[in-house]
């Protein structure tokens, strides 16, 4: 898989729900996913890792990503009320515009680290 994009520098939100949610930047179609990594899986499939912590990305555009490689830390950016990973596979290289493609994740391995998570994608069976 090859990295197609890397996140910007949108700041983390302060976690909160309902009236306690105050995003760090206005939520628009361009900011809703927060900092996003896009991987070209080949065959017209693109994987998106959304809400990544600013400054934590360990891949750059054009890198070949290998099995179990650390990509970034999960953040609380965009339309995120707490730190979490939004992962999806679609048929479009443009975020939030393609049709979803079924994907089986085997052995996703989050590792606790302070207030966020590290994760390593694993190959599907």
N, C-alpha and C. Protein backbone atom coordinates (compact mmCIF):
# COMPACT_ATOMS: atom_id res chain seq x y z
N UNK A 1 0.84 -1.17 0.00
CA UNK A 1 0.00 0.00 0.00
C UNK A 1 0.89 1.24 0.00
N UNK A 2 0.46 2.25 -0.71
CA UNK A 2 1.21 3.50 -0.79
C UNK A 2 0.42 4.63 -0.16
N UNK A 3 1.12 5.47 0.60
CA UNK A 3 0.48 6.62 1.23
C UNK A 3 0.21 7.69 0.17
N UNK A 4 -1.04 8.16 0.09
CA UNK A 4 -1.43 9.19 -0.87
C UNK A 4 -1.49 10.57 -0.24
N UNK A 5 -1.80 10.62 1.03
CA UNK A 5 -1.92 11.92 1.69
C UNK A 5 -1.53 11.78 3.14
N UNK A 6 -1.27 12.91 3.74
CA UNK A 6 -0.98 12.92 5.16
C UNK A 6 -1.77 14.04 5.80
N UNK A 7 -2.03 13.93 7.09
CA UNK A 7 -2.86 14.92 7.75
C UNK A 7 -2.27 16.31 7.77
N UNK A 8 -3.17 17.26 7.95
CA UNK A 8 -2.75 18.63 8.21
C UNK A 8 -2.40 18.80 9.67
N UNK A 9 -2.56 19.98 10.15
CA UNK A 9 -2.20 20.28 11.53
C UNK A 9 -3.40 20.76 12.34
N UNK A 10 -4.60 20.25 12.03
CA UNK A 10 -5.77 20.64 12.81
C UNK A 10 -5.56 20.24 14.26
N UNK A 11 -5.94 21.10 15.21
CA UNK A 11 -5.70 20.80 16.62
C UNK A 11 -6.72 19.81 17.19
N UNK A 12 -6.34 19.14 18.28
CA UNK A 12 -7.26 18.26 18.99
C UNK A 12 -8.39 19.07 19.61
N UNK A 13 -9.57 18.47 19.67
CA UNK A 13 -10.69 19.04 20.41
C UNK A 13 -10.52 18.68 21.88
N UNK A 14 -11.17 19.43 22.75
CA UNK A 14 -11.29 19.03 24.14
C UNK A 14 -12.47 18.07 24.19
N UNK A 15 -12.26 16.84 24.66
CA UNK A 15 -13.36 15.86 24.65
C UNK A 15 -14.59 16.38 25.37
N UNK A 16 -15.76 16.06 24.83
CA UNK A 16 -17.02 16.44 25.43
C UNK A 16 -18.18 16.02 24.55
N UNK A 17 -19.35 15.85 25.15
CA UNK A 17 -20.55 15.44 24.43
C UNK A 17 -21.67 16.45 24.67
N UNK A 18 -22.62 16.48 23.74
CA UNK A 18 -23.74 17.40 23.87
C UNK A 18 -23.28 18.84 23.93
N UNK A 19 -23.81 19.59 24.90
CA UNK A 19 -23.45 21.00 25.04
C UNK A 19 -21.99 21.20 25.42
N UNK A 20 -21.33 20.15 25.90
CA UNK A 20 -19.92 20.26 26.29
C UNK A 20 -18.97 20.12 25.10
N UNK A 21 -19.50 19.81 23.92
CA UNK A 21 -18.64 19.65 22.74
C UNK A 21 -18.43 21.00 22.07
N UNK A 22 -17.19 21.42 22.04
CA UNK A 22 -16.80 22.67 21.39
C UNK A 22 -15.59 22.37 20.50
N UNK A 23 -15.82 22.13 19.18
CA UNK A 23 -14.70 21.78 18.32
C UNK A 23 -13.65 22.89 18.25
N UNK A 24 -12.40 22.47 18.10
CA UNK A 24 -11.29 23.43 18.05
C UNK A 24 -11.35 24.29 16.79
N UNK A 25 -11.91 23.74 15.71
CA UNK A 25 -12.10 24.49 14.47
C UNK A 25 -13.52 24.21 13.98
N UNK A 26 -14.12 25.11 13.19
CA UNK A 26 -15.47 24.86 12.69
C UNK A 26 -15.55 23.55 11.89
N UNK A 27 -16.65 22.81 12.08
CA UNK A 27 -16.85 21.55 11.36
C UNK A 27 -17.46 21.86 9.99
N UNK A 28 -16.71 21.50 8.95
CA UNK A 28 -17.17 21.64 7.57
C UNK A 28 -16.91 20.31 6.87
N UNK A 29 -17.31 20.18 5.62
CA UNK A 29 -17.02 18.96 4.87
C UNK A 29 -15.51 18.73 4.77
N UNK A 30 -14.74 19.79 4.73
CA UNK A 30 -13.29 19.67 4.63
C UNK A 30 -12.63 19.32 5.97
N UNK A 31 -13.27 19.63 7.10
CA UNK A 31 -12.65 19.40 8.41
C UNK A 31 -13.30 18.27 9.22
N UNK A 32 -14.43 17.74 8.78
CA UNK A 32 -15.19 16.76 9.56
C UNK A 32 -14.36 15.52 9.90
N UNK A 33 -13.49 15.08 9.00
CA UNK A 33 -12.69 13.87 9.24
C UNK A 33 -11.42 14.17 10.01
N UNK A 34 -11.15 15.43 10.26
CA UNK A 34 -9.92 15.79 10.96
C UNK A 34 -8.70 15.45 10.13
N UNK A 35 -7.59 15.22 10.79
CA UNK A 35 -6.36 14.86 10.12
C UNK A 35 -6.50 13.43 9.59
N UNK A 36 -6.28 13.25 8.30
CA UNK A 36 -6.55 11.97 7.64
C UNK A 36 -5.34 11.45 6.88
N UNK A 37 -5.11 10.14 6.99
CA UNK A 37 -4.11 9.45 6.17
C UNK A 37 -4.88 8.64 5.14
N UNK A 38 -4.48 8.73 3.88
CA UNK A 38 -5.10 7.95 2.81
C UNK A 38 -4.07 6.98 2.25
N UNK A 39 -4.43 5.71 2.17
CA UNK A 39 -3.56 4.70 1.59
C UNK A 39 -4.20 4.12 0.34
N UNK A 40 -3.44 4.02 -0.74
CA UNK A 40 -3.89 3.37 -1.96
C UNK A 40 -3.60 1.89 -1.82
N UNK A 41 -4.67 1.07 -1.71
CA UNK A 41 -4.53 -0.37 -1.52
C UNK A 41 -4.40 -1.10 -2.86
N UNK A 42 -4.51 -0.37 -3.95
CA UNK A 42 -4.48 -1.00 -5.27
C UNK A 42 -5.87 -1.49 -5.66
N UNK A 43 -6.07 -1.79 -6.93
CA UNK A 43 -7.35 -2.30 -7.39
C UNK A 43 -8.52 -1.36 -7.19
N UNK A 44 -8.24 -0.04 -7.14
CA UNK A 44 -9.31 0.93 -6.95
C UNK A 44 -9.82 1.02 -5.52
N UNK A 45 -9.06 0.55 -4.55
CA UNK A 45 -9.45 0.61 -3.14
C UNK A 45 -8.54 1.58 -2.39
N UNK A 46 -9.16 2.39 -1.54
CA UNK A 46 -8.44 3.40 -0.76
C UNK A 46 -8.85 3.28 0.70
N UNK A 47 -7.87 3.23 1.58
CA UNK A 47 -8.13 3.13 3.02
C UNK A 47 -7.91 4.49 3.66
N UNK A 48 -8.82 4.87 4.53
CA UNK A 48 -8.76 6.15 5.22
C UNK A 48 -8.66 5.93 6.72
N UNK A 49 -7.71 6.62 7.33
CA UNK A 49 -7.53 6.64 8.78
C UNK A 49 -7.78 8.08 9.20
N UNK A 50 -8.88 8.31 9.93
CA UNK A 50 -9.31 9.68 10.23
C UNK A 50 -9.19 9.98 11.72
N UNK A 51 -9.08 11.26 12.03
CA UNK A 51 -8.98 11.81 13.38
C UNK A 51 -7.60 11.58 13.98
N UNK A 52 -6.55 11.67 13.17
CA UNK A 52 -5.19 11.42 13.64
C UNK A 52 -4.64 12.63 14.41
N UNK A 53 -3.87 12.35 15.45
CA UNK A 53 -3.31 13.41 16.28
C UNK A 53 -2.31 14.25 15.48
N UNK A 54 -2.41 15.58 15.59
CA UNK A 54 -1.47 16.42 14.85
C UNK A 54 -0.02 16.14 15.25
N UNK A 55 0.85 16.12 14.27
CA UNK A 55 2.27 15.93 14.51
C UNK A 55 2.70 14.50 14.79
N UNK A 56 1.77 13.54 14.75
CA UNK A 56 2.11 12.16 15.11
C UNK A 56 2.33 11.25 13.90
N UNK A 57 2.09 11.75 12.70
CA UNK A 57 2.14 10.92 11.50
C UNK A 57 3.57 10.46 11.21
N UNK A 58 3.72 9.18 10.93
CA UNK A 58 5.04 8.60 10.68
C UNK A 58 5.22 8.15 9.24
N UNK A 59 4.27 8.47 8.37
CA UNK A 59 4.40 8.16 6.94
C UNK A 59 4.29 9.45 6.15
N UNK A 60 4.86 9.45 4.95
CA UNK A 60 4.73 10.62 4.09
C UNK A 60 4.23 10.17 2.72
N UNK A 61 3.74 11.11 1.94
CA UNK A 61 3.22 10.81 0.61
C UNK A 61 4.27 10.06 -0.19
N UNK A 62 3.85 8.95 -0.80
CA UNK A 62 4.74 8.14 -1.62
C UNK A 62 5.37 6.97 -0.88
N UNK A 63 5.32 6.97 0.46
CA UNK A 63 5.87 5.84 1.22
C UNK A 63 5.09 4.57 0.92
N UNK A 64 5.79 3.45 0.89
CA UNK A 64 5.14 2.14 0.85
C UNK A 64 4.94 1.71 2.29
N UNK A 65 3.71 1.38 2.65
CA UNK A 65 3.37 1.01 4.01
C UNK A 65 3.40 -0.51 4.12
N UNK A 66 4.03 -0.99 5.16
CA UNK A 66 4.14 -2.44 5.34
C UNK A 66 3.22 -2.91 6.47
N UNK A 67 2.98 -4.20 6.48
CA UNK A 67 2.19 -4.85 7.52
C UNK A 67 2.73 -4.50 8.90
N UNK A 68 1.86 -4.11 9.82
CA UNK A 68 2.18 -3.84 11.21
C UNK A 68 3.04 -2.59 11.42
N UNK A 69 3.03 -1.68 10.46
CA UNK A 69 3.78 -0.43 10.60
C UNK A 69 2.97 0.59 11.37
N UNK A 70 3.60 1.28 12.29
CA UNK A 70 2.95 2.37 13.02
C UNK A 70 2.76 3.54 12.07
N UNK A 71 1.52 4.00 11.91
CA UNK A 71 1.22 5.11 11.01
C UNK A 71 1.14 6.45 11.74
N UNK A 72 0.44 6.47 12.87
CA UNK A 72 0.19 7.71 13.60
C UNK A 72 -0.49 7.38 14.92
N UNK A 73 -0.72 8.42 15.72
CA UNK A 73 -1.51 8.27 16.94
C UNK A 73 -2.92 8.79 16.69
N UNK A 74 -3.86 8.16 17.32
CA UNK A 74 -5.26 8.57 17.21
C UNK A 74 -5.47 9.84 18.01
N UNK A 75 -6.22 10.76 17.42
CA UNK A 75 -6.48 12.02 18.09
C UNK A 75 -7.97 12.27 18.28
N UNK A 76 -8.29 13.50 18.49
CA UNK A 76 -9.66 13.95 18.76
C UNK A 76 -9.88 15.20 17.90
N UNK A 77 -9.80 15.02 16.57
CA UNK A 77 -9.80 16.12 15.62
C UNK A 77 -11.01 16.01 14.70
N UNK A 78 -11.52 17.15 14.25
CA UNK A 78 -12.68 17.15 13.36
C UNK A 78 -13.94 16.92 14.18
N UNK A 79 -14.87 16.14 13.65
CA UNK A 79 -16.11 15.85 14.36
C UNK A 79 -15.88 14.65 15.28
N UNK A 80 -15.01 14.84 16.26
CA UNK A 80 -14.66 13.79 17.22
C UNK A 80 -14.86 14.31 18.63
N UNK A 81 -15.66 13.61 19.40
CA UNK A 81 -15.96 14.04 20.76
C UNK A 81 -15.04 13.41 21.79
N UNK A 82 -14.29 12.39 21.36
CA UNK A 82 -13.25 11.78 22.16
C UNK A 82 -12.26 11.15 21.20
N UNK A 83 -11.04 10.84 21.65
CA UNK A 83 -10.08 10.22 20.73
C UNK A 83 -10.62 8.89 20.21
N UNK A 84 -10.59 8.73 18.90
CA UNK A 84 -10.99 7.46 18.28
C UNK A 84 -10.47 7.41 16.86
N UNK A 85 -10.45 6.22 16.31
CA UNK A 85 -10.06 6.01 14.92
C UNK A 85 -11.31 5.77 14.09
N UNK A 86 -11.44 6.51 13.01
CA UNK A 86 -12.48 6.25 12.02
C UNK A 86 -11.73 5.66 10.83
N UNK A 87 -11.99 4.39 10.53
CA UNK A 87 -11.33 3.70 9.44
C UNK A 87 -12.38 3.27 8.43
N UNK A 88 -12.09 3.49 7.15
CA UNK A 88 -12.98 3.00 6.11
C UNK A 88 -12.20 2.72 4.84
N UNK A 89 -12.72 1.81 4.04
CA UNK A 89 -12.17 1.50 2.74
C UNK A 89 -13.25 1.86 1.72
N UNK A 90 -12.87 2.65 0.68
CA UNK A 90 -13.82 3.06 -0.35
C UNK A 90 -13.20 2.89 -1.73
N UNK A 91 -14.01 3.22 -2.73
CA UNK A 91 -13.55 3.13 -4.12
C UNK A 91 -13.16 4.50 -4.68
N UNK A 92 -12.89 5.47 -3.81
CA UNK A 92 -12.53 6.81 -4.26
C UNK A 92 -11.29 7.31 -3.54
N UNK A 93 -10.44 8.01 -4.28
CA UNK A 93 -9.26 8.61 -3.66
C UNK A 93 -9.59 9.95 -2.99
N UNK A 94 -10.84 10.37 -3.07
CA UNK A 94 -11.28 11.60 -2.43
C UNK A 94 -12.04 11.24 -1.15
N UNK A 95 -11.57 11.72 0.02
CA UNK A 95 -12.21 11.36 1.29
C UNK A 95 -13.70 11.66 1.32
N UNK A 96 -14.44 10.75 1.94
CA UNK A 96 -15.88 10.88 2.19
C UNK A 96 -16.72 10.98 0.92
N UNK A 97 -16.21 10.51 -0.22
CA UNK A 97 -17.02 10.63 -1.44
C UNK A 97 -17.21 9.30 -2.17
N UNK A 98 -16.58 8.25 -1.74
CA UNK A 98 -16.69 6.97 -2.44
C UNK A 98 -17.72 6.05 -1.81
N UNK A 99 -17.93 4.93 -2.47
CA UNK A 99 -18.79 3.87 -1.93
C UNK A 99 -17.94 3.00 -1.01
N UNK A 100 -18.49 2.62 0.13
CA UNK A 100 -17.77 1.76 1.06
C UNK A 100 -17.55 0.38 0.48
N UNK A 101 -16.41 -0.19 0.80
CA UNK A 101 -16.06 -1.54 0.35
C UNK A 101 -15.91 -2.40 1.60
N UNK A 102 -16.55 -3.58 1.63
CA UNK A 102 -16.40 -4.44 2.81
C UNK A 102 -14.93 -4.74 3.08
N UNK A 103 -14.58 -4.76 4.35
CA UNK A 103 -13.20 -4.98 4.76
C UNK A 103 -13.20 -5.77 6.05
N UNK A 104 -12.37 -6.77 6.13
CA UNK A 104 -12.23 -7.56 7.34
C UNK A 104 -10.91 -7.20 7.99
N UNK A 105 -10.97 -6.69 9.21
CA UNK A 105 -9.75 -6.35 9.95
C UNK A 105 -9.44 -7.48 10.91
N UNK A 106 -8.24 -7.97 10.84
CA UNK A 106 -7.81 -9.05 11.72
C UNK A 106 -6.67 -8.53 12.58
N UNK A 107 -6.81 -8.63 13.87
CA UNK A 107 -5.71 -8.32 14.76
C UNK A 107 -5.33 -6.86 14.85
N UNK A 108 -6.29 -5.93 14.77
CA UNK A 108 -5.95 -4.52 15.02
C UNK A 108 -5.37 -4.45 16.42
N UNK A 109 -4.25 -3.81 16.56
CA UNK A 109 -3.51 -3.86 17.82
C UNK A 109 -3.32 -2.48 18.44
N UNK A 110 -4.35 -1.95 19.14
CA UNK A 110 -4.13 -0.67 19.83
C UNK A 110 -3.20 -0.89 21.02
N UNK A 111 -2.36 0.09 21.27
CA UNK A 111 -1.44 0.05 22.41
C UNK A 111 -1.62 1.35 23.18
N UNK A 112 -2.01 1.23 24.44
CA UNK A 112 -2.26 2.44 25.25
C UNK A 112 -0.99 3.28 25.34
N UNK A 113 -1.17 4.58 25.19
CA UNK A 113 -0.06 5.51 25.33
C UNK A 113 -0.63 6.85 25.73
N UNK A 114 -0.43 7.24 26.93
CA UNK A 114 -0.98 8.46 27.52
C UNK A 114 -2.47 8.54 27.22
N UNK A 115 -2.94 9.69 26.72
CA UNK A 115 -4.37 9.88 26.51
C UNK A 115 -4.81 9.48 25.11
N UNK A 116 -3.93 8.91 24.30
CA UNK A 116 -4.32 8.52 22.95
C UNK A 116 -3.92 7.08 22.70
N UNK A 117 -4.08 6.65 21.47
CA UNK A 117 -3.81 5.26 21.12
C UNK A 117 -2.83 5.21 19.97
N UNK A 118 -1.95 4.24 20.01
CA UNK A 118 -1.15 3.88 18.85
C UNK A 118 -1.85 2.71 18.20
N UNK A 119 -1.72 2.57 16.93
CA UNK A 119 -2.34 1.42 16.27
C UNK A 119 -1.46 0.99 15.12
N UNK A 120 -1.62 -0.25 14.79
CA UNK A 120 -0.87 -0.81 13.66
C UNK A 120 -1.85 -1.59 12.81
N UNK A 121 -2.01 -1.21 11.54
CA UNK A 121 -2.92 -1.97 10.67
C UNK A 121 -2.33 -3.34 10.39
N UNK A 122 -3.17 -4.31 10.27
CA UNK A 122 -2.74 -5.67 9.96
C UNK A 122 -3.44 -6.14 8.70
N UNK A 123 -2.81 -6.99 7.98
CA UNK A 123 -3.37 -7.50 6.72
C UNK A 123 -4.63 -8.31 7.00
N UNK A 124 -5.59 -8.20 6.10
CA UNK A 124 -6.82 -9.00 6.21
C UNK A 124 -6.53 -10.42 5.76
N UNK A 125 -7.30 -11.35 6.31
CA UNK A 125 -7.12 -12.76 5.93
C UNK A 125 -7.72 -13.04 4.57
